[in-house]
C-alpha atoms as a PDB file:
ATOM      1  CA  MET A   1       4.185  38.085 -17.433  1.00  0.00           C
ATOM      2  CA  LYS A   2       5.793  41.526 -17.462  1.00  0.00           C
ATOM      3  CA  ALA A   3       9.137  41.800 -19.235  1.00  0.00           C
ATOM      4  CA  ASP A   4      10.916  42.780 -15.992  1.00  0.00           C
ATOM      5  CA  SER A   5       9.313  40.012 -13.903  1.00  0.00           C
ATOM      6  CA  PRO A   6      11.854  38.188 -11.706  1.00  0.00           C
ATOM      7  CA  LEU A   7       9.974  34.970 -12.439  1.00  0.00           C
ATOM      8  CA  TYR A   8      11.777  34.846 -15.808  1.00  0.00           C
ATOM      9  CA  GLY A   9      15.297  35.060 -14.375  1.00  0.00           C
ATOM     10  CA  SER A  10      17.879  37.801 -14.644  1.00  0.00           C
ATOM     11  CA  SER A  11      19.482  36.858 -17.980  1.00  0.00           C
ATOM     12  CA  LEU A  12      18.766  35.118 -21.251  1.00  0.00           C
ATOM     13  CA  MET A  13      20.725  32.101 -20.000  1.00  0.00           C
ATOM     14  CA  GLU A  14      18.553  31.856 -16.876  1.00  0.00           C
ATOM     15  CA  TYR A  15      15.457  32.273 -19.056  1.00  0.00           C
ATOM     16  CA  SER A  16      16.568  29.358 -21.235  1.00  0.00           C
ATOM     17  CA  HIS A  17      17.107  27.200 -18.148  1.00  0.00           C
ATOM     18  CA  ILE A  18      13.647  28.139 -16.884  1.00  0.00           C
ATOM     19  CA  GLU A  19      12.135  27.038 -20.209  1.00  0.00           C
ATOM     20  CA  GLN A  20      14.144  23.816 -20.015  1.00  0.00           C
ATOM     21  CA  TRP A  21      12.857  22.964 -16.530  1.00  0.00           C
ATOM     22  CA  ILE A  22       9.264  23.774 -17.506  1.00  0.00           C
ATOM     23  CA  ASP A  23       9.537  21.321 -20.411  1.00  0.00           C
ATOM     24  CA  PHE A  24      11.117  18.712 -18.129  1.00  0.00           C
ATOM     25  CA  SER A  25       8.358  19.203 -15.561  1.00  0.00           C
ATOM     26  CA  THR A  26       5.657  18.795 -18.187  1.00  0.00           C
ATOM     27  CA  THR A  27       7.006  15.851 -20.171  1.00  0.00           C
ATOM     28  CA  GLU A  28       8.900  13.897 -17.498  1.00  0.00           C
ATOM     29  CA  VAL A  29       7.148  14.603 -14.190  1.00  0.00           C
ATOM     30  CA  ASP A  30       3.539  15.617 -14.835  1.00  0.00           C
ATOM     31  CA  ALA A  31       2.997  13.176 -17.708  1.00  0.00           C
ATOM     32  CA  ASN A  32       4.236  10.142 -15.778  1.00  0.00           C
ATOM     33  CA  ILE A  33       2.354  11.041 -12.594  1.00  0.00           C
ATOM     34  CA  GLY A  34      -0.843  11.352 -14.648  1.00  0.00           C
ATOM     35  CA  LYS A  35      -0.292   8.062 -16.466  1.00  0.00           C
ATOM     36  CA  TRP A  36       0.177   6.336 -13.118  1.00  0.00           C
ATOM     37  CA  LEU A  37      -2.705   8.060 -11.314  1.00  0.00           C
ATOM     38  CA  TYR A  38      -5.519   8.474 -13.851  1.00  0.00           C
ATOM     39  CA  PRO A  39      -5.977   4.796 -14.819  1.00  0.00           C
ATOM     40  CA  ARG A  40      -6.344   3.979 -11.113  1.00  0.00           C
ATOM     41  CA  LEU A  41      -9.067   6.607 -10.851  1.00  0.00           C
ATOM     42  CA  GLY A  42     -10.921   5.078 -13.791  1.00  0.00           C
ATOM     43  CA  PHE A  43     -10.221   7.758 -16.396  1.00  0.00           C
ATOM     44  CA  TYR A  44      -8.236   5.359 -18.617  1.00  0.00           C
ATOM     45  CA  PRO A  45      -8.039   1.557 -18.911  1.00  0.00           C
ATOM     46  CA  TYR A  46      -5.747   0.103 -16.232  1.00  0.00           C
ATOM     47  CA  VAL A  47      -2.925  -2.227 -17.358  1.00  0.00           C
ATOM     48  CA  ALA A  48      -0.440  -3.289 -14.673  1.00  0.00           C
ATOM     49  CA  VAL A  49       2.501  -3.766 -17.055  1.00  0.00           C
ATOM     50  CA  ILE A  50       2.031  -0.300 -18.537  1.00  0.00           C
ATOM     51  CA  GLU A  51       1.729   1.182 -15.048  1.00  0.00           C
ATOM     52  CA  ASP A  52       5.141  -0.272 -14.145  1.00  0.00           C
ATOM     53  CA  THR A  53       6.636   1.429 -17.200  1.00  0.00           C
ATOM     54  CA  PHE A  54       5.383   4.850 -16.119  1.00  0.00           C
ATOM     55  CA  ILE A  55       6.452   4.342 -12.489  1.00  0.00           C
ATOM     56  CA  THR A  56       9.964   3.511 -13.716  1.00  0.00           C
ATOM     57  CA  ALA A  57       9.984   6.598 -15.958  1.00  0.00           C
ATOM     58  CA  LEU A  58       8.767   8.775 -13.067  1.00  0.00           C
ATOM     59  CA  LYS A  59      11.481   7.452 -10.751  1.00  0.00           C
ATOM     60  CA  ARG A  60      14.081   8.200 -13.403  1.00  0.00           C
ATOM     61  CA  ALA A  61      12.790  11.779 -13.711  1.00  0.00           C
ATOM     62  CA  LEU A  62      12.628  12.323  -9.945  1.00  0.00           C
ATOM     63  CA  GLY A  63      16.133  10.898  -9.626  1.00  0.00           C
ATOM     64  CA  ALA A  64      17.440  13.496 -12.092  1.00  0.00           C
ATOM     65  CA  LEU A  65      15.538  16.248 -10.280  1.00  0.00           C
ATOM     66  CA  ASP A  66      16.858  15.036  -6.909  1.00  0.00           C
ATOM     67  CA  THR A  67      20.446  15.177  -8.173  1.00  0.00           C
ATOM     68  CA  HIS A  68      19.983  18.780  -9.308  1.00  0.00           C
ATOM     69  CA  LEU A  69      18.313  19.835  -6.064  1.00  0.00           C
ATOM     70  CA  ALA A  70      21.070  18.271  -3.965  1.00  0.00           C
ATOM     71  CA  SER A  71      23.100  21.418  -4.614  1.00  0.00           C
ATOM     72  CA  ASN A  72      20.340  23.910  -5.475  1.00  0.00           C
ATOM     73  CA  THR A  73      17.518  25.295  -3.330  1.00  0.00           C
ATOM     74  CA  TYR A  74      15.474  26.214  -6.405  1.00  0.00           C
ATOM     75  CA  LEU A  75      15.614  25.111 -10.031  1.00  0.00           C
ATOM     76  CA  VAL A  76      17.323  28.239 -11.387  1.00  0.00           C
ATOM     77  CA  GLY A  77      19.077  30.908  -9.325  1.00  0.00           C
ATOM     78  CA  HIS A  78      18.446  31.610  -5.654  1.00  0.00           C
ATOM     79  CA  SER A  79      14.751  32.482  -5.565  1.00  0.00           C
ATOM     80  CA  VAL A  80      11.396  31.208  -6.779  1.00  0.00           C
ATOM     81  CA  ILE A  81      10.960  31.501 -10.550  1.00  0.00           C
ATOM     82  CA  LEU A  82       8.261  30.404 -12.990  1.00  0.00           C
ATOM     83  CA  ALA A  83       9.745  26.910 -13.423  1.00  0.00           C
ATOM     84  CA  ASP A  84       9.471  26.331  -9.645  1.00  0.00           C
ATOM     85  CA  ILE A  85       5.770  27.249  -9.708  1.00  0.00           C
ATOM     86  CA  VAL A  86       5.118  24.881 -12.620  1.00  0.00           C
ATOM     87  CA  MET A  87       7.153  22.076 -11.044  1.00  0.00           C
ATOM     88  CA  ALA A  88       5.402  22.415  -7.656  1.00  0.00           C
ATOM     89  CA  CYS A  89       1.978  22.360  -9.324  1.00  0.00           C
ATOM     90  CA  ASN A  90       2.910  19.294 -11.362  1.00  0.00           C
ATOM     91  CA  LEU A  91       4.213  17.500  -8.261  1.00  0.00           C
ATOM     92  CA  TYR A  92       1.091  18.444  -6.280  1.00  0.00           C
ATOM     93  CA  HIS A  93      -1.223  15.682  -7.522  1.00  0.00           C
ATOM     94  CA  GLY A  94       1.586  13.172  -7.167  1.00  0.00           C
ATOM     95  CA  PHE A  95       2.302  14.030  -3.535  1.00  0.00           C
ATOM     96  CA  THR A  96      -1.357  14.412  -2.521  1.00  0.00           C
ATOM     97  CA  ARG A  97      -2.932  11.534  -4.463  1.00  0.00           C
ATOM     98  CA  ILE A  98      -0.484   8.686  -5.133  1.00  0.00           C
ATOM     99  CA  MET A  99       3.171   9.298  -4.121  1.00  0.00           C
ATOM    100  CA  THR A 100       3.312   8.051  -0.529  1.00  0.00           C
ATOM    101  CA  LYS A 101       6.145   8.744   1.909  1.00  0.00           C
ATOM    102  CA  SER A 102       7.667   5.327   1.219  1.00  0.00           C
ATOM    103  CA  PHE A 103       7.843   6.270  -2.485  1.00  0.00           C
ATOM    104  CA  THR A 104       9.205   9.823  -2.128  1.00  0.00           C
ATOM    105  CA  SER A 105      11.721   8.943   0.598  1.00  0.00           C
ATOM    106  CA  GLU A 106      14.042   7.794  -2.210  1.00  0.00           C
ATOM    107  CA  PHE A 107      14.216  11.448  -3.290  1.00  0.00           C
ATOM    108  CA  PRO A 108      14.915  13.503  -0.124  1.00  0.00           C
ATOM    109  CA  HIS A 109      15.903  16.663  -1.997  1.00  0.00           C
ATOM    110  CA  VAL A 110      12.686  16.570  -4.034  1.00  0.00           C
ATOM    111  CA  GLU A 111      10.737  16.214  -0.778  1.00  0.00           C
ATOM    112  CA  ARG A 112      12.495  19.201   0.764  1.00  0.00           C
ATOM    113  CA  TYR A 113      11.921  21.241  -2.387  1.00  0.00           C
ATOM    114  CA  PHE A 114       8.214  20.394  -2.664  1.00  0.00           C
ATOM    115  CA  TRP A 115       7.410  21.214   0.964  1.00  0.00           C
ATOM    116  CA  THR A 116       9.424  24.433   0.686  1.00  0.00           C
ATOM    117  CA  MET A 117       7.414  25.448  -2.366  1.00  0.00           C
ATOM    118  CA  VAL A 118       3.909  24.607  -1.134  1.00  0.00           C
ATOM    119  CA  ASN A 119       4.584  26.511   2.075  1.00  0.00           C
ATOM    120  CA  GLN A 120       5.492  29.706   0.242  1.00  0.00           C
ATOM    121  CA  PRO A 121       2.843  32.285   1.271  1.00  0.00           C
ATOM    122  CA  ASN A 122       1.579  32.877  -2.266  1.00  0.00           C
ATOM    123  CA  MET A 123       1.415  29.149  -2.997  1.00  0.00           C
ATOM    124  CA  LYS A 124      -0.369  28.447   0.261  1.00  0.00           C
ATOM    125  CA  LYS A 125      -3.055  31.014  -0.590  1.00  0.00           C
ATOM    126  CA  VAL A 126      -4.050  28.811  -3.525  1.00  0.00           C
ATOM    127  CA  MET A 127      -3.220  25.294  -2.307  1.00  0.00           C
ATOM    128  CA  GLY A 128      -4.044  25.611   1.375  1.00  0.00           C
ATOM    129  CA  ASP A 129      -2.579  23.025   3.752  1.00  0.00           C
ATOM    130  CA  VAL A 130      -1.082  20.211   1.696  1.00  0.00           C
ATOM    131  CA  LYS A 131      -1.015  16.662   3.053  1.00  0.00           C
ATOM    132  CA  GLN A 132       0.847  13.747   1.520  1.00  0.00           C
ATOM    133  CA  ALA A 133      -1.024  10.673   0.303  1.00  0.00           C
ATOM    134  CA  GLU A 134      -1.057   7.849   2.837  1.00  0.00           C
ATOM    135  CA  SER A 135      -1.759   5.089   0.329  1.00  0.00           C
ATOM    136  CA  VAL A 136      -1.862   4.415  -3.409  1.00  0.00           C
ATOM    137  CA  PRO A 137      -5.484   4.622  -4.590  1.00  0.00           C
ATOM    138  CA  PRO A 138      -6.956   1.229  -5.514  1.00  0.00           C
ATOM    139  CA  VAL A 139      -7.893   0.537  -9.108  1.00  0.00           C
ATOM    140  CA  GLN A 140     -11.467   1.662  -9.690  1.00  0.00           C
ATOM    141  CA  LYS A 141     -13.685  -1.049 -11.125  1.00  0.00           C
ATOM    142  CA  LYS A 142     -16.775  -0.012 -12.996  1.00  0.00           C
ATOM    143  CA  ALA A 143     -19.888  -1.344 -11.269  1.00  0.00           C
ATOM    144  CA  ALA A 144     -22.303  -3.273 -13.447  1.00  0.00           C
ATOM    145  CA  ALA A 145     -25.464  -1.363 -14.189  1.00  0.00           C
ATOM    146  CA  PRO A 146     -28.388  -2.745 -12.127  1.00  0.00           C
ATOM    147  CA  LYS A 147     -30.987  -4.585 -14.141  1.00  0.00           C
ATOM    148  CA  GLU A 148     -34.307  -2.873 -14.453  1.00  0.00           C
ATOM    149  CA  GLN A 149     -36.819  -4.478 -12.119  1.00  0.00           C
ATOM    150  CA  LYS A 150     -40.090  -5.135 -13.893  1.00  0.00           C
ATOM    151  CA  PRO A 151     -43.291  -5.668 -11.924  1.00  0.00           C
ATOM    152  CA  LYS A 152     -44.013  -9.363 -11.620  1.00  0.00           C
ATOM    153  CA  ASP A 153     -47.186 -10.922 -13.004  1.00  0.00           C
ATOM    154  CA  ALA A 154     -48.610 -13.179 -10.252  1.00  0.00           C
ATOM    155  CA  LYS A 155     -50.210 -15.709 -12.679  1.00  0.00           C
ATOM    156  CA  LYS A 156     -47.062 -16.079 -14.758  1.00  0.00           C
ATOM    157  CA  GLU A 157     -44.952 -16.579 -11.636  1.00  0.00           C
ATOM    158  CA  ALA A 158     -47.295 -19.323 -10.410  1.00  0.00           C
ATOM    159  CA  LYS A 159     -47.078 -21.164 -13.741  1.00  0.00           C
ATOM    160  CA  LYS A 160     -43.270 -20.941 -13.648  1.00  0.00           C
ATOM    161  CA  ASN A 161     -43.134 -22.422 -10.149  1.00  0.00           C
ATOM    162  CA  GLU A 162     -45.446 -25.314 -11.155  1.00  0.00           C
ATOM    163  CA  ALA A 163     -43.315 -26.080 -14.191  1.00  0.00           C
ATOM    164  CA  LYS A 164     -40.189 -26.226 -12.038  1.00  0.00           C
ATOM    165  CA  LYS A 165     -41.788 -28.661  -9.611  1.00  0.00           C
ATOM    166  CA  GLU A 166     -43.088 -30.961 -12.375  1.00  0.00           C
ATOM    167  CA  ALA A 167     -39.856 -31.371 -14.216  1.00  0.00           C
ATOM    168  CA  GLN A 168     -36.557 -31.083 -12.408  1.00  0.00           C
ATOM    169  CA  LYS A 169     -34.331 -31.842 -15.379  1.00  0.00           C
ATOM    170  CA  PRO A 170     -30.564 -32.201 -14.977  1.00  0.00           C
ATOM    171  CA  GLU A 171     -28.376 -29.394 -16.242  1.00  0.00           C
ATOM    172  CA  PRO A 172     -27.542 -29.955 -19.909  1.00  0.00           C
ATOM    173  CA  VAL A 173     -23.927 -30.870 -20.610  1.00  0.00           C
ATOM    174  CA  GLU A 174     -23.677 -27.939 -22.987  1.00  0.00           C
ATOM    175  CA  LYS A 175     -23.847 -25.508 -20.057  1.00  0.00           C
ATOM    176  CA  ALA A 176     -20.185 -26.024 -19.386  1.00  0.00           C
ATOM    177  CA  GLU A 177     -19.536 -24.530 -22.782  1.00  0.00           C
ATOM    178  CA  GLU A 178     -21.488 -21.432 -21.824  1.00  0.00           C
ATOM    179  CA  GLU A 179     -19.307 -20.722 -18.827  1.00  0.00           C
ATOM    180  CA  GLU A 180     -16.935 -17.834 -19.192  1.00  0.00           C
ATOM    181  CA  GLU A 181     -13.735 -18.797 -20.870  1.00  0.00           C
ATOM    182  CA  ALA A 182     -10.544 -18.416 -18.844  1.00  0.00           C
ATOM    183  CA  PRO A 183      -8.710 -15.207 -19.712  1.00  0.00           C
ATOM    184  CA  LYS A 184      -6.356 -15.755 -22.584  1.00  0.00           C
ATOM    185  CA  PRO A 185      -2.662 -15.054 -22.014  1.00  0.00           C
ATOM    186  CA  LYS A 186      -1.473 -11.685 -23.255  1.00  0.00           C
ATOM    187  CA  PRO A 187      -0.098 -12.044 -26.801  1.00  0.00           C
ATOM    188  CA  LYS A 188       3.669 -11.762 -26.998  1.00  0.00           C
ATOM    189  CA  ASN A 189       5.409  -8.984 -28.849  1.00  0.00           C
ATOM    190  CA  ALA A 190       6.364 -10.188 -32.326  1.00  0.00           C
ATOM    191  CA  LEU A 191      10.005  -9.468 -31.476  1.00  0.00           C
ATOM    192  CA  ASP A 192       9.859 -12.017 -28.645  1.00  0.00           C
ATOM    193  CA  LEU A 193       8.983 -14.688 -31.209  1.00  0.00           C
ATOM    194  CA  LEU A 194      12.146 -14.156 -33.271  1.00  0.00           C
ATOM    195  CA  PRO A 195      14.843 -16.853 -33.178  1.00  0.00           C
ATOM    196  CA  PRO A 196      17.224 -16.422 -30.203  1.00  0.00           C
ATOM    197  CA  SER A 197      20.141 -14.064 -30.796  1.00  0.00           C
ATOM    198  CA  LYS A 198      23.694 -14.462 -29.561  1.00  0.00           C
ATOM    199  CA  MET A 199      23.665 -10.734 -28.726  1.00  0.00           C
ATOM    200  CA  ILE A 200      22.294 -10.038 -25.241  1.00  0.00           C
ATOM    201  CA  LEU A 201      21.170  -6.414 -25.381  1.00  0.00           C
ATOM    202  CA  ASP A 202      21.361  -5.842 -21.623  1.00  0.00           C
ATOM    203  CA  GLU A 203      25.003  -7.011 -21.601  1.00  0.00           C
ATOM    204  CA  TRP A 204      25.867  -4.423 -24.248  1.00  0.00           C
ATOM    205  CA  LYS A 205      24.039  -1.684 -22.325  1.00  0.00           C
ATOM    206  CA  LYS A 206      25.945  -2.583 -19.157  1.00  0.00           C
ATOM    207  CA  LEU A 207      29.268  -2.530 -21.023  1.00  0.00           C
ATOM    208  CA  TYR A 208      28.404   0.873 -22.519  1.00  0.00           C
ATOM    209  CA  SER A 209      27.400   2.341 -19.142  1.00  0.00           C
ATOM    210  CA  ASN A 210      30.337   0.921 -17.166  1.00  0.00           C
ATOM    211  CA  THR A 211      33.166   1.782 -19.570  1.00  0.00           C
ATOM    212  CA  LYS A 212      34.725   5.030 -18.354  1.00  0.00           C
ATOM    213  CA  THR A 213      38.190   4.833 -19.963  1.00  0.00           C
ATOM    214  CA  ASN A 214      39.637   3.424 -23.187  1.00  0.00           C
ATOM    215  CA  PHE A 215      36.131   3.529 -24.659  1.00  0.00           C
ATOM    216  CA  ARG A 216      37.199   2.670 -28.198  1.00  0.00           C
ATOM    217  CA  GLU A 217      39.308  -0.315 -27.090  1.00  0.00           C
ATOM    218  CA  VAL A 218      36.795  -1.682 -24.576  1.00  0.00           C
ATOM    219  CA  ALA A 219      33.204  -0.660 -25.401  1.00  0.00           C
ATOM    220  CA  ILE A 220      33.425  -0.281 -29.179  1.00  0.00           C
ATOM    221  CA  LYS A 221      35.412  -3.494 -29.591  1.00  0.00           C
ATOM    222  CA  GLY A 222      32.948  -5.212 -27.244  1.00  0.00           C
ATOM    223  CA  PHE A 223      30.020  -3.984 -29.321  1.00  0.00           C
ATOM    224  CA  TRP A 224      31.333  -5.446 -32.560  1.00  0.00           C
ATOM    225  CA  ASP A 225      32.230  -8.699 -30.796  1.00  0.00           C
ATOM    226  CA  MET A 226      28.647  -8.951 -29.486  1.00  0.00           C
ATOM    227  CA  TYR A 227      26.789  -7.661 -32.551  1.00  0.00           C
ATOM    228  CA  ASP A 228      24.575 -10.229 -34.290  1.00  0.00           C
ATOM    229  CA  PRO A 229      23.504  -9.103 -37.791  1.00  0.00           C
ATOM    230  CA  GLU A 230      21.020 -11.990 -37.916  1.00  0.00           C
ATOM    231  CA  GLY A 231      19.200 -10.955 -34.755  1.00  0.00           C
ATOM    232  CA  TYR A 232      19.604  -7.151 -34.839  1.00  0.00           C
ATOM    233  CA  SER A 233      19.858  -4.332 -37.358  1.00  0.00           C
ATOM    234  CA  LEU A 234      21.551  -0.912 -37.286  1.00  0.00           C
ATOM    235  CA  TRP A 235      19.932   2.254 -38.650  1.00  0.00           C
ATOM    236  CA  PHE A 236      21.053   5.837 -39.277  1.00  0.00           C
ATOM    237  CA  CYS A 237      18.481   8.606 -38.954  1.00  0.00           C
ATOM    238  CA  ASP A 238      18.613  12.233 -40.070  1.00  0.00           C
ATOM    239  CA  PHE A 239      16.113  14.894 -39.001  1.00  0.00           C
ATOM    240  CA  LYS A 240      14.248  16.177 -42.069  1.00  0.00           C
ATOM    241  CA  TYR A 241      13.753  19.756 -40.899  1.00  0.00           C
ATOM    242  CA  ASN A 242      17.126  20.915 -39.558  1.00  0.00           C
ATOM    243  CA  GLU A 243      16.448  24.436 -40.816  1.00  0.00           C
ATOM    244  CA  GLU A 244      13.966  24.743 -37.913  1.00  0.00           C
ATOM    245  CA  ASN A 245      16.661  24.021 -35.309  1.00  0.00           C
ATOM    246  CA  THR A 246      17.613  27.623 -34.619  1.00  0.00           C
ATOM    247  CA  VAL A 247      17.525  27.547 -30.794  1.00  0.00           C
ATOM    248  CA  SER A 248      19.894  25.142 -29.054  1.00  0.00           C
ATOM    249  CA  PHE A 249      17.849  24.224 -25.971  1.00  0.00           C
ATOM    250  CA  VAL A 250      14.656  23.826 -28.026  1.00  0.00           C
ATOM    251  CA  THR A 251      16.494  21.431 -30.351  1.00  0.00           C
ATOM    252  CA  MET A 252      17.845  19.420 -27.414  1.00  0.00           C
ATOM    253  CA  ASN A 253      14.382  19.289 -25.813  1.00  0.00           C
ATOM    254  CA  LYS A 254      12.983  18.057 -29.129  1.00  0.00           C
ATOM    255  CA  VAL A 255      15.430  15.151 -29.075  1.00  0.00           C
ATOM    256  CA  GLY A 256      14.697  14.492 -25.397  1.00  0.00           C
ATOM    257  CA  GLY A 257      10.979  14.255 -26.133  1.00  0.00           C
ATOM    258  CA  PHE A 258      11.671  11.779 -28.932  1.00  0.00           C
ATOM    259  CA  LEU A 259      13.657   9.541 -26.562  1.00  0.00           C
ATOM    260  CA  LEU A 260      10.887   9.751 -23.970  1.00  0.00           C
ATOM    261  CA  ARG A 261       8.339   8.503 -26.488  1.00  0.00           C
ATOM    262  CA  MET A 262      10.683   5.664 -27.501  1.00  0.00           C
ATOM    263  CA  ASP A 263      10.400   4.200 -24.000  1.00  0.00           C
ATOM    264  CA  LEU A 264       7.927   1.574 -25.249  1.00  0.00           C
ATOM    265  CA  CYS A 265      10.764  -0.214 -27.079  1.00  0.00           C
ATOM    266  CA  ARG A 266      13.494   0.034 -24.407  1.00  0.00           C
ATOM    267  CA  LYS A 267      13.605  -3.775 -24.175  1.00  0.00           C
ATOM    268  CA  TYR A 268      14.392  -4.075 -27.885  1.00  0.00           C
ATOM    269  CA  ALA A 269      16.547  -1.059 -28.768  1.00  0.00           C
ATOM    270  CA  PHE A 270      19.625   1.059 -28.103  1.00  0.00           C
ATOM    271  CA  GLY A 271      20.126   4.515 -29.593  1.00  0.00           C
ATOM    272  CA  LYS A 272      22.439   7.510 -29.832  1.00  0.00           C
ATOM    273  CA  MET A 273      21.170  10.954 -30.847  1.00  0.00           C
ATOM    274  CA  LEU A 274      23.598  13.749 -31.694  1.00  0.00           C
ATOM    275  CA  VAL A 275      22.914  17.484 -31.942  1.00  0.00           C
ATOM    276  CA  ILE A 276      25.649  18.809 -34.203  1.00  0.00           C
ATOM    277  CA  GLY A 277      27.028  22.285 -34.829  1.00  0.00           C
ATOM    278  CA  SER A 278      28.431  25.260 -32.941  1.00  0.00           C
ATOM    279  CA  GLU A 279      25.853  27.676 -34.329  1.00  0.00           C
ATOM    280  CA  PRO A 280      22.326  27.384 -35.752  1.00  0.00           C
ATOM    281  CA  PRO A 281      20.738  25.763 -37.583  1.00  0.00           C
ATOM    282  CA  PHE A 282      21.764  22.638 -35.677  1.00  0.00           C
ATOM    283  CA  LYS A 283      21.753  19.182 -37.260  1.00  0.00           C
ATOM    284  CA  VAL A 284      20.169  16.191 -35.539  1.00  0.00           C
ATOM    285  CA  LYS A 285      21.462  12.751 -36.466  1.00  0.00           C
ATOM    286  CA  GLY A 286      21.061   9.392 -34.801  1.00  0.00           C
ATOM    287  CA  LEU A 287      22.087   5.753 -34.712  1.00  0.00           C
ATOM    288  CA  TRP A 288      19.674   3.011 -33.589  1.00  0.00           C
ATOM    289  CA  LEU A 289      20.078  -0.679 -32.882  1.00  0.00           C
ATOM    290  CA  PHE A 290      16.774  -2.577 -33.169  1.00  0.00           C
ATOM    291  CA  ARG A 291      15.887  -6.218 -32.536  1.00  0.00           C
ATOM    292  CA  GLY A 292      15.092  -7.899 -35.833  1.00  0.00           C
ATOM    293  CA  PRO A 293      15.948  -7.099 -39.448  1.00  0.00           C
ATOM    294  CA  LYS A 294      13.597  -4.086 -39.687  1.00  0.00           C
ATOM    295  CA  ILE A 295      12.508  -1.134 -37.593  1.00  0.00           C
ATOM    296  CA  PRO A 296       9.762  -2.622 -35.367  1.00  0.00           C
ATOM    297  CA  LYS A 297       6.297  -1.977 -36.781  1.00  0.00           C
ATOM    298  CA  PHE A 298       4.811  -0.915 -33.419  1.00  0.00           C
ATOM    299  CA  VAL A 299       7.501   1.759 -33.079  1.00  0.00           C
ATOM    300  CA  MET A 300       6.750   3.194 -36.530  1.00  0.00           C
ATOM    301  CA  GLU A 301       3.029   3.239 -35.716  1.00  0.00           C
ATOM    302  CA  GLU A 302       3.100   4.606 -32.162  1.00  0.00           C
ATOM    303  CA  VAL A 303       6.043   7.056 -32.085  1.00  0.00           C
ATOM    304  CA  TYR A 304       5.085   9.973 -34.301  1.00  0.00           C
ATOM    305  CA  ASP A 305       8.660  11.351 -34.281  1.00  0.00           C
ATOM    306  CA  MET A 306       9.772   8.462 -36.506  1.00  0.00           C
ATOM    307  CA  ALA A 307       8.165  10.168 -39.502  1.00  0.00           C
ATOM    308  CA  LEU A 308      10.249  13.299 -38.854  1.00  0.00           C
ATOM    309  CA  TYR A 309      13.468  11.455 -39.739  1.00  0.00           C
ATOM    310  CA  ASP A 310      14.927   9.848 -42.842  1.00  0.00           C
ATOM    311  CA  TRP A 311      15.985   6.274 -42.018  1.00  0.00           C
ATOM    312  CA  ALA A 312      18.727   4.254 -43.727  1.00  0.00           C
ATOM    313  CA  LYS A 313      19.888   0.766 -42.818  1.00  0.00           C
ATOM    314  CA  VAL A 314      23.612   0.542 -42.087  1.00  0.00           C
ATOM    315  CA  ASP A 315      25.594  -1.382 -44.693  1.00  0.00           C
ATOM    316  CA  LEU A 316      28.311  -3.107 -42.655  1.00  0.00           C
ATOM    317  CA  SER A 317      30.157  -4.163 -45.799  1.00  0.00           C
ATOM    318  CA  ASP A 318      31.019  -0.461 -46.157  1.00  0.00           C
ATOM    319  CA  ALA A 319      33.993   0.283 -43.872  1.00  0.00           C
ATOM    320  CA  ALA A 320      33.091   4.001 -43.772  1.00  0.00           C
ATOM    321  CA  GLN A 321      29.586   3.260 -42.484  1.00  0.00           C
ATOM    322  CA  LYS A 322      30.939   0.852 -39.872  1.00  0.00           C
ATOM    323  CA  GLU A 323      33.380   3.509 -38.655  1.00  0.00           C
ATOM    324  CA  ARG A 324      30.533   6.047 -38.543  1.00  0.00           C
ATOM    325  CA  VAL A 325      28.601   3.677 -36.243  1.00  0.00           C
ATOM    326  CA  SER A 326      31.620   3.469 -33.918  1.00  0.00           C
ATOM    327  CA  ALA A 327      32.062   7.252 -33.921  1.00  0.00           C
ATOM    328  CA  MET A 328      28.403   7.860 -33.033  1.00  0.00           C
ATOM    329  CA  ILE A 329      28.439   5.353 -30.181  1.00  0.00           C
ATOM    330  CA  GLU A 330      31.647   6.958 -28.876  1.00  0.00           C
ATOM    331  CA  ASP A 331      30.414  10.587 -29.251  1.00  0.00           C
ATOM    332  CA  LEU A 332      33.589  11.220 -31.229  1.00  0.00           C
ATOM    333  CA  GLU A 333      34.249  14.939 -31.652  1.00  0.00           C
ATOM    334  CA  PRO A 334      34.484  16.608 -34.054  1.00  0.00           C
ATOM    335  CA  PHE A 335      31.852  14.501 -35.794  1.00  0.00           C
ATOM    336  CA  GLU A 336      32.034  14.726 -39.569  1.00  0.00           C
ATOM    337  CA  GLY A 337      34.024  17.932 -39.190  1.00  0.00           C
ATOM    338  CA  GLU A 338      31.627  19.688 -36.787  1.00  0.00           C
ATOM    339  CA  ALA A 339      31.401  20.214 -33.037  1.00  0.00           C
ATOM    340  CA  LEU A 340      28.921  18.245 -30.921  1.00  0.00           C
ATOM    341  CA  LEU A 341      26.429  20.452 -29.109  1.00  0.00           C
ATOM    342  CA  ASP A 342      24.826  17.519 -27.312  1.00  0.00           C
ATOM    343  CA  ALA A 343      24.779  13.701 -27.313  1.00  0.00           C
ATOM    344  CA  LYS A 344      21.956  11.656 -25.796  1.00  0.00           C
ATOM    345  CA  CYS A 345      21.843   7.912 -25.247  1.00  0.00           C
ATOM    346  CA  PHE A 346      18.746   5.697 -25.225  1.00  0.00           C
ATOM    347  CA  LYS A 347      19.389   2.585 -23.208  1.00  0.00           C
END
């Protein structure tokens, strides 16, 4: 922790990158490994559909990490720094408890990096010999508590046996009603019960992702051709506390965390978040497309970041607002007279 420690890099820029990778390791890697592993160990309720969501998020994070490590031995610079120690520790439980070889083989550069790190002398002193998990741990089921065995009364038992022999009555019809009911199907999301929409969200996301040239003529035109104001709604959002956005990478990480927590509505939403300005304080503005006429209730309740923004429904009868939607989707720069520091897409 000394000021001249090489673990913090050799410049302020390297220090900022170290902080960035520590945040990424914590929110993208460690969090998703834990949410996959801990329910299987019985620490949290296990839900298969939710598990799939976290596995997908983890693969997305490891894919990004793998791309970076394809041309870098370590996360920042050419030697071990604090972010590498944090990342290796956060990957440790994944590799040793749940991420089998068949899972990690998709990310060869992450594999090389992890084994390089855990075999560093100082890491090995703490971790010892590290072995990769051979199988995904089964879901732990809580065993029913054994019933307390009370000493039997011989006379009472004899009377019970006599009664059984004297009257062998057929099972009452009502018993069928006492049997356990079949598990009820999982209730659908309220958004799945809305009338069908002519806009297919996945088709728009594919068009957005695959358009590399003539974006305004192809993607933006395609968006307005697809858009269904009866089935979807558009919303502007503005961060309420822009005066706090004095450090660029902290502001960008703040937006990244927001998008991570929005993962629960990926099936029903598309979003663009812009960090605006060439010097602090930076402004954060966004555009969101949601299924239905309102912002989904479960998003407002479960994503705490929503309360940090002012939300306004787009009025498409206003040509200026419609053009602003197009500009935000396109990452048009300058945006409202200012430079774009960063643009993130939720799709």
